[in-house]
Amino acid sequence: MRMNTLEPEGMITKAPTNATGDAEMTAIPPATEPVARSAAAERMRRHRQRRRDGLRCFMIELRETEIDALIRKGLLAAENRHDYDSVQSGLYAFLDRALGELGDA
C-alpha cells in the first residue's frame, strides 16, 4: 500500500509503506548544483546590487594625458597605465580626493 505525500516543491509522490501499512519517511536528495543564471539575469542582479549600494555604472573614456596626470599625482604606477583595474583604482582615488572636499562643504 502506498500513500500520497506532498513534497516541498509541490510535487506529489508515492511514499512506500512498511509491513504495517504506515508510510515510511523518505529523504528528498538536495539539488547538487545551483541553476546557472543567464547573462541577462546576472547583469540585472549586479544592477540591483549597485542600486542598493547607492552606486551607478558609467562607461567613460580617458585621454592619455589624463592617465599621465594620475601617474604624476601618484595615484597610478606608470607600469600599470595599460591595466584596466589599476587605472580604475587610480581614477576612484582621484575622485575620492576631489569630491571628498565637496562633501565637507
PDB file of N, CA and C in Angstrom:
ATOM      1  N   MET A   1       0.848  -1.188   0.000  1.00  0.00           N
ATOM      2  CA  MET A   1       0.000   0.000   0.000  1.00  0.00           C
ATOM      3  C   MET A   1       0.887   1.243   0.000  1.00  0.00           C
ATOM      4  N   ARG A   2       0.532   2.228  -0.753  1.00  0.00           N
ATOM      5  CA  ARG A   2       1.302   3.466  -0.830  1.00  0.00           C
ATOM      6  C   ARG A   2       0.388   4.626  -0.506  1.00  0.00           C
ATOM      7  N   MET A   3       1.011   5.685   0.032  1.00  0.00           N
ATOM      8  CA  MET A   3       0.247   6.888   0.369  1.00  0.00           C
ATOM      9  C   MET A   3       0.818   8.059  -0.433  1.00  0.00           C
ATOM     10  N   ASN A   4      -0.022   9.017  -0.791  1.00  0.00           N
ATOM     11  CA  ASN A   4       0.443  10.220  -1.469  1.00  0.00           C
ATOM     12  C   ASN A   4       1.084  11.164  -0.466  1.00  0.00           C
ATOM     13  N   THR A   5       2.202  11.775  -0.841  1.00  0.00           N
ATOM     14  CA  THR A   5       2.840  12.785   0.006  1.00  0.00           C
ATOM     15  C   THR A   5       3.092  14.009  -0.835  1.00  0.00           C
ATOM     16  N   LEU A   6       3.098  15.153  -0.198  1.00  0.00           N
ATOM     17  CA  LEU A   6       3.336  16.421  -0.885  1.00  0.00           C
ATOM     18  C   LEU A   6       4.756  16.864  -0.575  1.00  0.00           C
ATOM     19  N   GLU A   7       5.595  16.970  -1.596  1.00  0.00           N
ATOM     20  CA  GLU A   7       6.977  17.411  -1.419  1.00  0.00           C
ATOM     21  C   GLU A   7       7.016  18.931  -1.377  1.00  0.00           C
ATOM     22  N   PRO A   8       8.137  19.524  -0.834  1.00  0.00           N
ATOM     23  CA  PRO A   8       8.227  20.988  -0.734  1.00  0.00           C
ATOM     24  C   PRO A   8       8.036  21.706  -2.058  1.00  0.00           C
ATOM     25  N   GLU A   9       8.450  21.088  -3.158  1.00  0.00           N
ATOM     26  CA  GLU A   9       8.320  21.745  -4.449  1.00  0.00           C
ATOM     27  C   GLU A   9       6.902  21.673  -4.988  1.00  0.00           C
ATOM     28  N   GLY A  10       5.991  20.982  -4.247  1.00  0.00           N
ATOM     29  CA  GLY A  10       4.611  20.913  -4.677  1.00  0.00           C
ATOM     30  C   GLY A  10       4.315  19.689  -5.527  1.00  0.00           C
ATOM     31  N   MET A  11       5.267  18.763  -5.673  1.00  0.00           N
ATOM     32  CA  MET A  11       5.061  17.572  -6.471  1.00  0.00           C
ATOM     33  C   MET A  11       4.557  16.448  -5.571  1.00  0.00           C
ATOM     34  N   ILE A  12       3.561  15.741  -6.030  1.00  0.00           N
ATOM     35  CA  ILE A  12       3.034  14.628  -5.247  1.00  0.00           C
ATOM     36  C   ILE A  12       3.749  13.359  -5.689  1.00  0.00           C
ATOM     37  N   THR A  13       4.263  12.613  -4.700  1.00  0.00           N
ATOM     38  CA  THR A  13       4.928  11.348  -4.988  1.00  0.00           C
ATOM     39  C   THR A  13       4.305  10.264  -4.125  1.00  0.00           C
ATOM     40  N   LYS A  14       4.526   9.048  -4.528  1.00  0.00           N
ATOM     41  CA  LYS A  14       4.049   7.908  -3.755  1.00  0.00           C
ATOM     42  C   LYS A  14       5.117   7.556  -2.737  1.00  0.00           C
ATOM     43  N   ALA A  15       4.757   7.547  -1.445  1.00  0.00           N
ATOM     44  CA  ALA A  15       5.691   7.165  -0.395  1.00  0.00           C
ATOM     45  C   ALA A  15       5.526   5.679  -0.128  1.00  0.00           C
ATOM     46  N   PRO A  16       6.620   4.925  -0.086  1.00  0.00           N
ATOM     47  CA  PRO A  16       6.490   3.492   0.201  1.00  0.00           C
ATOM     48  C   PRO A  16       5.997   3.289   1.628  1.00  0.00           C
ATOM     49  N   THR A  17       5.313   2.193   1.851  1.00  0.00           N
ATOM     50  CA  THR A  17       4.808   1.880   3.189  1.00  0.00           C
ATOM     51  C   THR A  17       5.519   0.648   3.720  1.00  0.00           C
ATOM     52  N   ASN A  18       5.569   0.519   5.054  1.00  0.00           N
ATOM     53  CA  ASN A  18       6.184  -0.660   5.657  1.00  0.00           C
ATOM     54  C   ASN A  18       5.134  -1.766   5.780  1.00  0.00           C
ATOM     55  N   ALA A  19       5.475  -2.857   6.449  1.00  0.00           N
ATOM     56  CA  ALA A  19       4.589  -4.021   6.554  1.00  0.00           C
ATOM     57  C   ALA A  19       3.290  -3.706   7.286  1.00  0.00           C
ATOM     58  N   THR A  20       3.303  -2.723   8.185  1.00  0.00           N
ATOM     59  CA  THR A  20       2.088  -2.400   8.952  1.00  0.00           C
ATOM     60  C   THR A  20       1.184  -1.416   8.223  1.00  0.00           C
ATOM     61  N   GLY A  21       1.623  -0.948   7.061  1.00  0.00           N
ATOM     62  CA  GLY A  21       0.801  -0.016   6.306  1.00  0.00           C
ATOM     63  C   GLY A  21       1.077   1.441   6.614  1.00  0.00           C
ATOM     64  N   ASP A  22       2.026   1.727   7.532  1.00  0.00           N
ATOM     65  CA  ASP A  22       2.388   3.103   7.861  1.00  0.00           C
ATOM     66  C   ASP A  22       3.350   3.637   6.807  1.00  0.00           C
ATOM     67  N   ALA A  23       3.208   4.888   6.480  1.00  0.00           N
ATOM     68  CA  ALA A  23       4.113   5.500   5.500  1.00  0.00           C
ATOM     69  C   ALA A  23       5.508   5.619   6.091  1.00  0.00           C
ATOM     70  N   GLU A  24       6.502   5.326   5.284  1.00  0.00           N
ATOM     71  CA  GLU A  24       7.887   5.451   5.727  1.00  0.00           C
ATOM     72  C   GLU A  24       8.400   6.848   5.376  1.00  0.00           C
ATOM     73  N   MET A  25       9.335   7.333   6.169  1.00  0.00           N
ATOM     74  CA  MET A  25       9.949   8.638   5.900  1.00  0.00           C
ATOM     75  C   MET A  25      10.972   8.461   4.795  1.00  0.00           C
ATOM     76  N   THR A  26      10.897   9.276   3.789  1.00  0.00           N
ATOM     77  CA  THR A  26      11.891   9.237   2.717  1.00  0.00           C
ATOM     78  C   THR A  26      12.540  10.596   2.613  1.00  0.00           C
ATOM     79  N   ALA A  27      13.832  10.589   2.427  1.00  0.00           N
ATOM     80  CA  ALA A  27      14.568  11.847   2.302  1.00  0.00           C
ATOM     81  C   ALA A  27      14.578  12.277   0.845  1.00  0.00           C
ATOM     82  N   ILE A  28      14.394  13.553   0.637  1.00  0.00           N
ATOM     83  CA  ILE A  28      14.484  14.110  -0.715  1.00  0.00           C
ATOM     84  C   ILE A  28      15.921  14.578  -0.900  1.00  0.00           C
ATOM     85  N   PRO A  29      16.627  14.034  -1.883  1.00  0.00           N
ATOM     86  CA  PRO A  29      18.027  14.439  -2.057  1.00  0.00           C
ATOM     87  C   PRO A  29      18.115  15.909  -2.465  1.00  0.00           C
ATOM     88  N   PRO A  30      19.076  16.631  -1.900  1.00  0.00           N
ATOM     89  CA  PRO A  30      19.221  18.049  -2.258  1.00  0.00           C
ATOM     90  C   PRO A  30      19.738  18.191  -3.685  1.00  0.00           C
ATOM     91  N   ALA A  31      19.423  19.310  -4.272  1.00  0.00           N
ATOM     92  CA  ALA A  31      19.944  19.610  -5.606  1.00  0.00           C
ATOM     93  C   ALA A  31      21.461  19.689  -5.513  1.00  0.00           C
ATOM     94  N   THR A  32      22.149  19.066  -6.438  1.00  0.00           N
ATOM     95  CA  THR A  32      23.603  19.017  -6.361  1.00  0.00           C
ATOM     96  C   THR A  32      24.260  20.304  -6.838  1.00  0.00           C
ATOM     97  N   GLU A  33      23.690  20.945  -7.823  1.00  0.00           N
ATOM     98  CA  GLU A  33      24.282  22.172  -8.347  1.00  0.00           C
ATOM     99  C   GLU A  33      23.212  23.249  -8.488  1.00  0.00           C
ATOM    100  N   PRO A  34      23.559  24.502  -8.152  1.00  0.00           N
ATOM    101  CA  PRO A  34      22.582  25.573  -8.346  1.00  0.00           C
ATOM    102  C   PRO A  34      22.358  25.811  -9.844  1.00  0.00           C
ATOM    103  N   VAL A  35      21.199  26.320 -10.160  1.00  0.00           N
ATOM    104  CA  VAL A  35      20.870  26.607 -11.551  1.00  0.00           C
ATOM    105  C   VAL A  35      21.724  27.776 -12.034  1.00  0.00           C
ATOM    106  N   ALA A  36      22.313  27.629 -13.201  1.00  0.00           N
ATOM    107  CA  ALA A  36      23.144  28.691 -13.763  1.00  0.00           C
ATOM    108  C   ALA A  36      22.254  29.855 -14.198  1.00  0.00           C
ATOM    109  N   ARG A  37      22.719  31.074 -13.922  1.00  0.00           N
ATOM    110  CA  ARG A  37      21.971  32.264 -14.327  1.00  0.00           C
ATOM    111  C   ARG A  37      22.338  32.629 -15.758  1.00  0.00           C
ATOM    112  N   SER A  38      21.374  33.182 -16.458  1.00  0.00           N
ATOM    113  CA  SER A  38      21.664  33.675 -17.795  1.00  0.00           C
ATOM    114  C   SER A  38      22.474  34.965 -17.675  1.00  0.00           C
ATOM    115  N   ALA A  39      23.104  35.364 -18.751  1.00  0.00           N
ATOM    116  CA  ALA A  39      23.896  36.598 -18.745  1.00  0.00           C
ATOM    117  C   ALA A  39      23.009  37.797 -18.404  1.00  0.00           C
ATOM    118  N   ALA A  40      21.800  37.810 -18.943  1.00  0.00           N
ATOM    119  CA  ALA A  40      20.886  38.928 -18.668  1.00  0.00           C
ATOM    120  C   ALA A  40      20.493  38.963 -17.196  1.00  0.00           C
ATOM    121  N   ALA A  41      20.239  37.795 -16.615  1.00  0.00           N
ATOM    122  CA  ALA A  41      19.872  37.742 -15.198  1.00  0.00           C
ATOM    123  C   ALA A  41      21.032  38.200 -14.325  1.00  0.00           C
ATOM    124  N   GLU A  42      22.245  37.838 -14.699  1.00  0.00           N
ATOM    125  CA  GLU A  42      23.415  38.251 -13.929  1.00  0.00           C
ATOM    126  C   GLU A  42      23.621  39.764 -14.014  1.00  0.00           C
ATOM    127  N   ARG A  43      23.434  40.357 -15.193  1.00  0.00           N
ATOM    128  CA  ARG A  43      23.528  41.821 -15.336  1.00  0.00           C
ATOM    129  C   ARG A  43      22.497  42.515 -14.462  1.00  0.00           C
ATOM    130  N   MET A  44      21.280  42.006 -14.448  1.00  0.00           N
ATOM    131  CA  MET A  44      20.215  42.610 -13.648  1.00  0.00           C
ATOM    132  C   MET A  44      20.536  42.467 -12.165  1.00  0.00           C
ATOM    133  N   ARG A  45      21.075  41.320 -11.749  1.00  0.00           N
ATOM    134  CA  ARG A  45      21.443  41.127 -10.350  1.00  0.00           C
ATOM    135  C   ARG A  45      22.499  42.144  -9.929  1.00  0.00           C
ATOM    136  N   ARG A  46      23.536  42.361 -10.785  1.00  0.00           N
ATOM    137  CA  ARG A  46      24.574  43.350 -10.469  1.00  0.00           C
ATOM    138  C   ARG A  46      24.006  44.762 -10.452  1.00  0.00           C
ATOM    139  N   HIS A  47      23.112  45.082 -11.385  1.00  0.00           N
ATOM    140  CA  HIS A  47      22.473  46.409 -11.437  1.00  0.00           C
ATOM    141  C   HIS A  47      21.706  46.678 -10.141  1.00  0.00           C
ATOM    142  N   ARG A  48      20.924  45.700  -9.706  1.00  0.00           N
ATOM    143  CA  ARG A  48      20.133  45.885  -8.484  1.00  0.00           C
ATOM    144  C   ARG A  48      21.020  46.013  -7.255  1.00  0.00           C
ATOM    145  N   GLN A  49      22.122  45.246  -7.217  1.00  0.00           N
ATOM    146  CA  GLN A  49      23.039  45.344  -6.080  1.00  0.00           C
ATOM    147  C   GLN A  49      23.700  46.723  -6.051  1.00  0.00           C
ATOM    148  N   ARG A  50      24.127  47.233  -7.218  1.00  0.00           N
ATOM    149  CA  ARG A  50      24.711  48.590  -7.255  1.00  0.00           C
ATOM    150  C   ARG A  50      23.701  49.620  -6.775  1.00  0.00           C
ATOM    151  N   ARG A  51      22.460  49.489  -7.217  1.00  0.00           N
ATOM    152  CA  ARG A  51      21.419  50.437  -6.806  1.00  0.00           C
ATOM    153  C   ARG A  51      21.222  50.392  -5.287  1.00  0.00           C
ATOM    154  N   ARG A  52      21.208  49.194  -4.706  1.00  0.00           N
ATOM    155  CA  ARG A  52      21.090  49.074  -3.243  1.00  0.00           C
ATOM    156  C   ARG A  52      22.291  49.705  -2.549  1.00  0.00           C
ATOM    157  N   ASP A  53      23.466  49.622  -3.181  1.00  0.00           N
ATOM    158  CA  ASP A  53      24.690  50.185  -2.603  1.00  0.00           C
ATOM    159  C   ASP A  53      24.825  51.679  -2.884  1.00  0.00           C
ATOM    160  N   GLY A  54      23.867  52.273  -3.621  1.00  0.00           N
ATOM    161  CA  GLY A  54      23.922  53.699  -3.931  1.00  0.00           C
ATOM    162  C   GLY A  54      24.912  54.026  -5.038  1.00  0.00           C
ATOM    163  N   LEU A  55      25.223  53.068  -5.887  1.00  0.00           N
ATOM    164  CA  LEU A  55      26.192  53.276  -6.961  1.00  0.00           C
ATOM    165  C   LEU A  55      25.492  53.322  -8.311  1.00  0.00           C
ATOM    166  N   ARG A  56      26.158  53.964  -9.261  1.00  0.00           N
ATOM    167  CA  ARG A  56      25.696  53.971 -10.649  1.00  0.00           C
ATOM    168  C   ARG A  56      26.860  53.555 -11.512  1.00  0.00           C
ATOM    169  N   CYS A  57      26.588  52.943 -12.631  1.00  0.00           N
ATOM    170  CA  CYS A  57      27.632  52.442 -13.516  1.00  0.00           C
ATOM    171  C   CYS A  57      27.704  53.314 -14.764  1.00  0.00           C
ATOM    172  N   PHE A  58      28.899  53.851 -15.045  1.00  0.00           N
ATOM    173  CA  PHE A  58      29.124  54.664 -16.236  1.00  0.00           C
ATOM    174  C   PHE A  58      30.337  54.127 -16.969  1.00  0.00           C
ATOM    175  N   MET A  59      30.305  54.202 -18.278  1.00  0.00           N
ATOM    176  CA  MET A  59      31.471  53.860 -19.068  1.00  0.00           C
ATOM    177  C   MET A  59      32.048  55.188 -19.564  1.00  0.00           C
ATOM    178  N   ILE A  60      33.316  55.437 -19.263  1.00  0.00           N
ATOM    179  CA  ILE A  60      33.926  56.699 -19.676  1.00  0.00           C
ATOM    180  C   ILE A  60      35.192  56.424 -20.470  1.00  0.00           C
ATOM    181  N   GLU A  61      35.601  57.400 -21.230  1.00  0.00           N
ATOM    182  CA  GLU A  61      36.857  57.324 -21.972  1.00  0.00           C
ATOM    183  C   GLU A  61      37.832  58.306 -21.346  1.00  0.00           C
ATOM    184  N   LEU A  62      39.078  57.872 -21.187  1.00  0.00           N
ATOM    185  CA  LEU A  62      40.120  58.735 -20.637  1.00  0.00           C
ATOM    186  C   LEU A  62      41.156  59.014 -21.717  1.00  0.00           C
ATOM    187  N   ARG A  63      41.639  60.245 -21.745  1.00  0.00           N
ATOM    188  CA  ARG A  63      42.746  60.598 -22.636  1.00  0.00           C
ATOM    189  C   ARG A  63      44.051  60.114 -22.010  1.00  0.00           C
ATOM    190  N   GLU A  64      45.044  59.887 -22.838  1.00  0.00           N
ATOM    191  CA  GLU A  64      46.369  59.509 -22.346  1.00  0.00           C
ATOM    192  C   GLU A  64      46.892  60.566 -21.377  1.00  0.00           C
ATOM    193  N   THR A  65      46.589  61.842 -21.653  1.00  0.00           N
ATOM    194  CA  THR A  65      47.061  62.913 -20.764  1.00  0.00           C
ATOM    195  C   THR A  65      46.411  62.821 -19.382  1.00  0.00           C
ATOM    196  N   GLU A  66      45.174  62.333 -19.330  1.00  0.00           N
ATOM    197  CA  GLU A  66      44.505  62.169 -18.040  1.00  0.00           C
ATOM    198  C   GLU A  66      45.122  61.000 -17.256  1.00  0.00           C
ATOM    199  N   ILE A  67      45.504  59.949 -17.965  1.00  0.00           N
ATOM    200  CA  ILE A  67      46.201  58.836 -17.315  1.00  0.00           C
ATOM    201  C   ILE A  67      47.568  59.309 -16.831  1.00  0.00           C
ATOM    202  N   ASP A  68      48.245  60.143 -17.647  1.00  0.00           N
ATOM    203  CA  ASP A  68      49.533  60.724 -17.231  1.00  0.00           C
ATOM    204  C   ASP A  68      49.364  61.538 -15.943  1.00  0.00           C
ATOM    205  N   ALA A  69      48.253  62.269 -15.833  1.00  0.00           N
ATOM    206  CA  ALA A  69      48.008  63.077 -14.629  1.00  0.00           C
ATOM    207  C   ALA A  69      47.825  62.183 -13.401  1.00  0.00           C
ATOM    208  N   LEU A  70      47.156  61.048 -13.566  1.00  0.00           N
ATOM    209  CA  LEU A  70      47.013  60.110 -12.450  1.00  0.00           C
ATOM    210  C   LEU A  70      48.373  59.599 -11.993  1.00  0.00           C
ATOM    211  N   ILE A  71      49.274  59.377 -12.958  1.00  0.00           N
ATOM    212  CA  ILE A  71      50.628  58.920 -12.632  1.00  0.00           C
ATOM    213  C   ILE A  71      51.393  60.017 -11.900  1.00  0.00           C
ATOM    214  N   ARG A  72      51.320  61.258 -12.425  1.00  0.00           N
ATOM    215  CA  ARG A  72      52.022  62.384 -11.794  1.00  0.00           C
ATOM    216  C   ARG A  72      51.559  62.622 -10.361  1.00  0.00           C
ATOM    217  N   LYS A  73      50.266  62.421 -10.120  1.00  0.00           N
ATOM    218  CA  LYS A  73      49.716  62.645  -8.777  1.00  0.00           C
ATOM    219  C   LYS A  73      49.988  61.462  -7.846  1.00  0.00           C
ATOM    220  N   GLY A  74      50.618  60.410  -8.363  1.00  0.00           N
ATOM    221  CA  GLY A  74      50.936  59.245  -7.541  1.00  0.00           C
ATOM    222  C   GLY A  74      49.756  58.316  -7.307  1.00  0.00           C
ATOM    223  N   LEU A  75      48.728  58.451  -8.124  1.00  0.00           N
ATOM    224  CA  LEU A  75      47.534  57.623  -7.970  1.00  0.00           C
ATOM    225  C   LEU A  75      47.578  56.366  -8.839  1.00  0.00           C
ATOM    226  N   LEU A  76      48.562  56.299  -9.732  1.00  0.00           N
ATOM    227  CA  LEU A  76      48.694  55.178 -10.650  1.00  0.00           C
ATOM    228  C   LEU A  76      50.168  54.955 -10.932  1.00  0.00           C
ATOM    229  N   ALA A  77      50.631  53.728 -10.841  1.00  0.00           N
ATOM    230  CA  ALA A  77      52.023  53.406 -11.174  1.00  0.00           C
ATOM    231  C   ALA A  77      52.178  53.408 -12.689  1.00  0.00           C
ATOM    232  N   ALA A  78      53.269  53.967 -13.171  1.00  0.00           N
ATOM    233  CA  ALA A  78      53.496  54.104 -14.618  1.00  0.00           C
ATOM    234  C   ALA A  78      53.425  52.757 -15.334  1.00  0.00           C
ATOM    235  N   GLU A  79      53.926  51.706 -14.694  1.00  0.00           N
ATOM    236  CA  GLU A  79      53.917  50.389 -15.359  1.00  0.00           C
ATOM    237  C   GLU A  79      52.518  49.774 -15.440  1.00  0.00           C
ATOM    238  N   ASN A  80      51.560  50.382 -14.739  1.00  0.00           N
ATOM    239  CA  ASN A  80      50.179  49.874 -14.756  1.00  0.00           C
ATOM    240  C   ASN A  80      49.245  50.719 -15.609  1.00  0.00           C
ATOM    241  N   ARG A  81      49.786  51.589 -16.427  1.00  0.00           N
ATOM    242  CA  ARG A  81      48.951  52.502 -17.210  1.00  0.00           C
ATOM    243  C   ARG A  81      48.031  51.792 -18.186  1.00  0.00           C
ATOM    244  N   HIS A  82      48.349  50.552 -18.573  1.00  0.00           N
ATOM    245  CA  HIS A  82      47.507  49.815 -19.521  1.00  0.00           C
ATOM    246  C   HIS A  82      46.647  48.761 -18.823  1.00  0.00           C
ATOM    247  N   ASP A  83      46.708  48.711 -17.500  1.00  0.00           N
ATOM    248  CA  ASP A  83      45.917  47.757 -16.730  1.00  0.00           C
ATOM    249  C   ASP A  83      44.596  48.408 -16.324  1.00  0.00           C
ATOM    250  N   TYR A  84      43.498  47.839 -16.803  1.00  0.00           N
ATOM    251  CA  TYR A  84      42.168  48.413 -16.571  1.00  0.00           C
ATOM    252  C   TYR A  84      41.874  48.616 -15.082  1.00  0.00           C
ATOM    253  N   ASP A  85      42.104  47.563 -14.289  1.00  0.00           N
ATOM    254  CA  ASP A  85      41.773  47.646 -12.859  1.00  0.00           C
ATOM    255  C   ASP A  85      42.619  48.696 -12.143  1.00  0.00           C
ATOM    256  N   SER A  86      43.888  48.814 -12.525  1.00  0.00           N
ATOM    257  CA  SER A  86      44.768  49.804 -11.891  1.00  0.00           C
ATOM    258  C   SER A  86      44.329  51.226 -12.238  1.00  0.00           C
ATOM    259  N   VAL A  87      44.002  51.450 -13.505  1.00  0.00           N
ATOM    260  CA  VAL A  87      43.543  52.785 -13.920  1.00  0.00           C
ATOM    261  C   VAL A  87      42.228  53.119 -13.217  1.00  0.00           C
ATOM    262  N   GLN A  88      41.347  52.142 -13.117  1.00  0.00           N
ATOM    263  CA  GLN A  88      40.071  52.356 -12.427  1.00  0.00           C
ATOM    264  C   GLN A  88      40.309  52.731 -10.968  1.00  0.00           C
ATOM    265  N   SER A  89      41.204  52.030 -10.297  1.00  0.00           N
ATOM    266  CA  SER A  89      41.513  52.342  -8.894  1.00  0.00           C
ATOM    267  C   SER A  89      42.105  53.738  -8.757  1.00  0.00           C
ATOM    268  N   GLY A  90      42.990  54.107  -9.686  1.00  0.00           N
ATOM    269  CA  GLY A  90      43.574  55.445  -9.659  1.00  0.00           C
ATOM    270  C   GLY A  90      42.528  56.526  -9.854  1.00  0.00           C
ATOM    271  N   LEU A  91      41.611  56.276 -10.766  1.00  0.00           N
ATOM    272  CA  LEU A  91      40.544  57.255 -11.014  1.00  0.00           C
ATOM    273  C   LEU A  91      39.624  57.370  -9.799  1.00  0.00           C
ATOM    274  N   TYR A  92      39.298  56.239  -9.170  1.00  0.00           N
ATOM    275  CA  TYR A  92      38.492  56.280  -7.949  1.00  0.00           C
ATOM    276  C   TYR A  92      39.195  57.088  -6.862  1.00  0.00           C
ATOM    277  N   ALA A  93      40.497  56.880  -6.717  1.00  0.00           N
ATOM    278  CA  ALA A  93      41.259  57.623  -5.706  1.00  0.00           C
ATOM    279  C   ALA A  93      41.219  59.118  -6.007  1.00  0.00           C
ATOM    280  N   PHE A  94      41.362  59.478  -7.294  1.00  0.00           N
ATOM    281  CA  PHE A  94      41.303  60.887  -7.687  1.00  0.00           C
ATOM    282  C   PHE A  94      39.936  61.482  -7.342  1.00  0.00           C
ATOM    283  N   LEU A  95      38.863  60.768  -7.691  1.00  0.00           N
ATOM    284  CA  LEU A  95      37.515  61.276  -7.415  1.00  0.00           C
ATOM    285  C   LEU A  95      37.267  61.387  -5.911  1.00  0.00           C
ATOM    286  N   ASP A  96      37.763  60.418  -5.154  1.00  0.00           N
ATOM    287  CA  ASP A  96      37.598  60.499  -3.700  1.00  0.00           C
ATOM    288  C   ASP A  96      38.276  61.741  -3.144  1.00  0.00           C
ATOM    289  N   ARG A  97      39.469  62.034  -3.642  1.00  0.00           N
ATOM    290  CA  ARG A  97      40.183  63.241  -3.170  1.00  0.00           C
ATOM    291  C   ARG A  97      39.454  64.507  -3.591  1.00  0.00           C
ATOM    292  N   ALA A  98      39.092  64.575  -4.860  1.00  0.00           N
ATOM    293  CA  ALA A  98      38.472  65.803  -5.393  1.00  0.00           C
ATOM    294  C   ALA A  98      37.074  66.028  -4.815  1.00  0.00           C
ATOM    295  N   LEU A  99      36.264  64.983  -4.770  1.00  0.00           N
ATOM    296  CA  LEU A  99      34.892  65.139  -4.315  1.00  0.00           C
ATOM    297  C   LEU A  99      34.758  65.047  -2.804  1.00  0.00           C
ATOM    298  N   GLY A 100      35.757  64.480  -2.151  1.00  0.00           N
ATOM    299  CA  GLY A 100      35.745  64.462  -0.709  1.00  0.00           C
ATOM    300  C   GLY A 100      35.741  65.864  -0.141  1.00  0.00           C
ATOM    301  N   GLU A 101      36.415  66.776  -0.857  1.00  0.00           N
ATOM    302  CA  GLU A 101      36.418  68.167  -0.445  1.00  0.00           C
ATOM    303  C   GLU A 101      35.035  68.792  -0.555  1.00  0.00           C
ATOM    304  N   LEU A 102      34.277  68.374  -1.566  1.00  0.00           N
ATOM    305  CA  LEU A 102      32.904  68.893  -1.743  1.00  0.00           C
ATOM    306  C   LEU A 102      32.003  68.412  -0.632  1.00  0.00           C
ATOM    307  N   GLY A 103      32.226  67.176  -0.169  1.00  0.00           N
ATOM    308  CA  GLY A 103      31.391  66.610   0.884  1.00  0.00           C
ATOM    309  C   GLY A 103      31.555  67.355   2.203  1.00  0.00           C
ATOM    310  N   ASP A 104      32.710  68.036   2.385  1.00  0.00           N
ATOM    311  CA  ASP A 104      32.952  68.774   3.617  1.00  0.00           C
ATOM    312  C   ASP A 104      32.224  70.106   3.633  1.00  0.00           C
ATOM    313  N   ALA A 105      31.793  70.581   2.474  1.00  0.00           N
ATOM    314  CA  ALA A 105      31.161  71.902   2.381  1.00  0.00           C
ATOM    315  C   ALA A 105      29.745  71.915   2.872  1.00  0.00           C
TER     316      ALA A 105
END
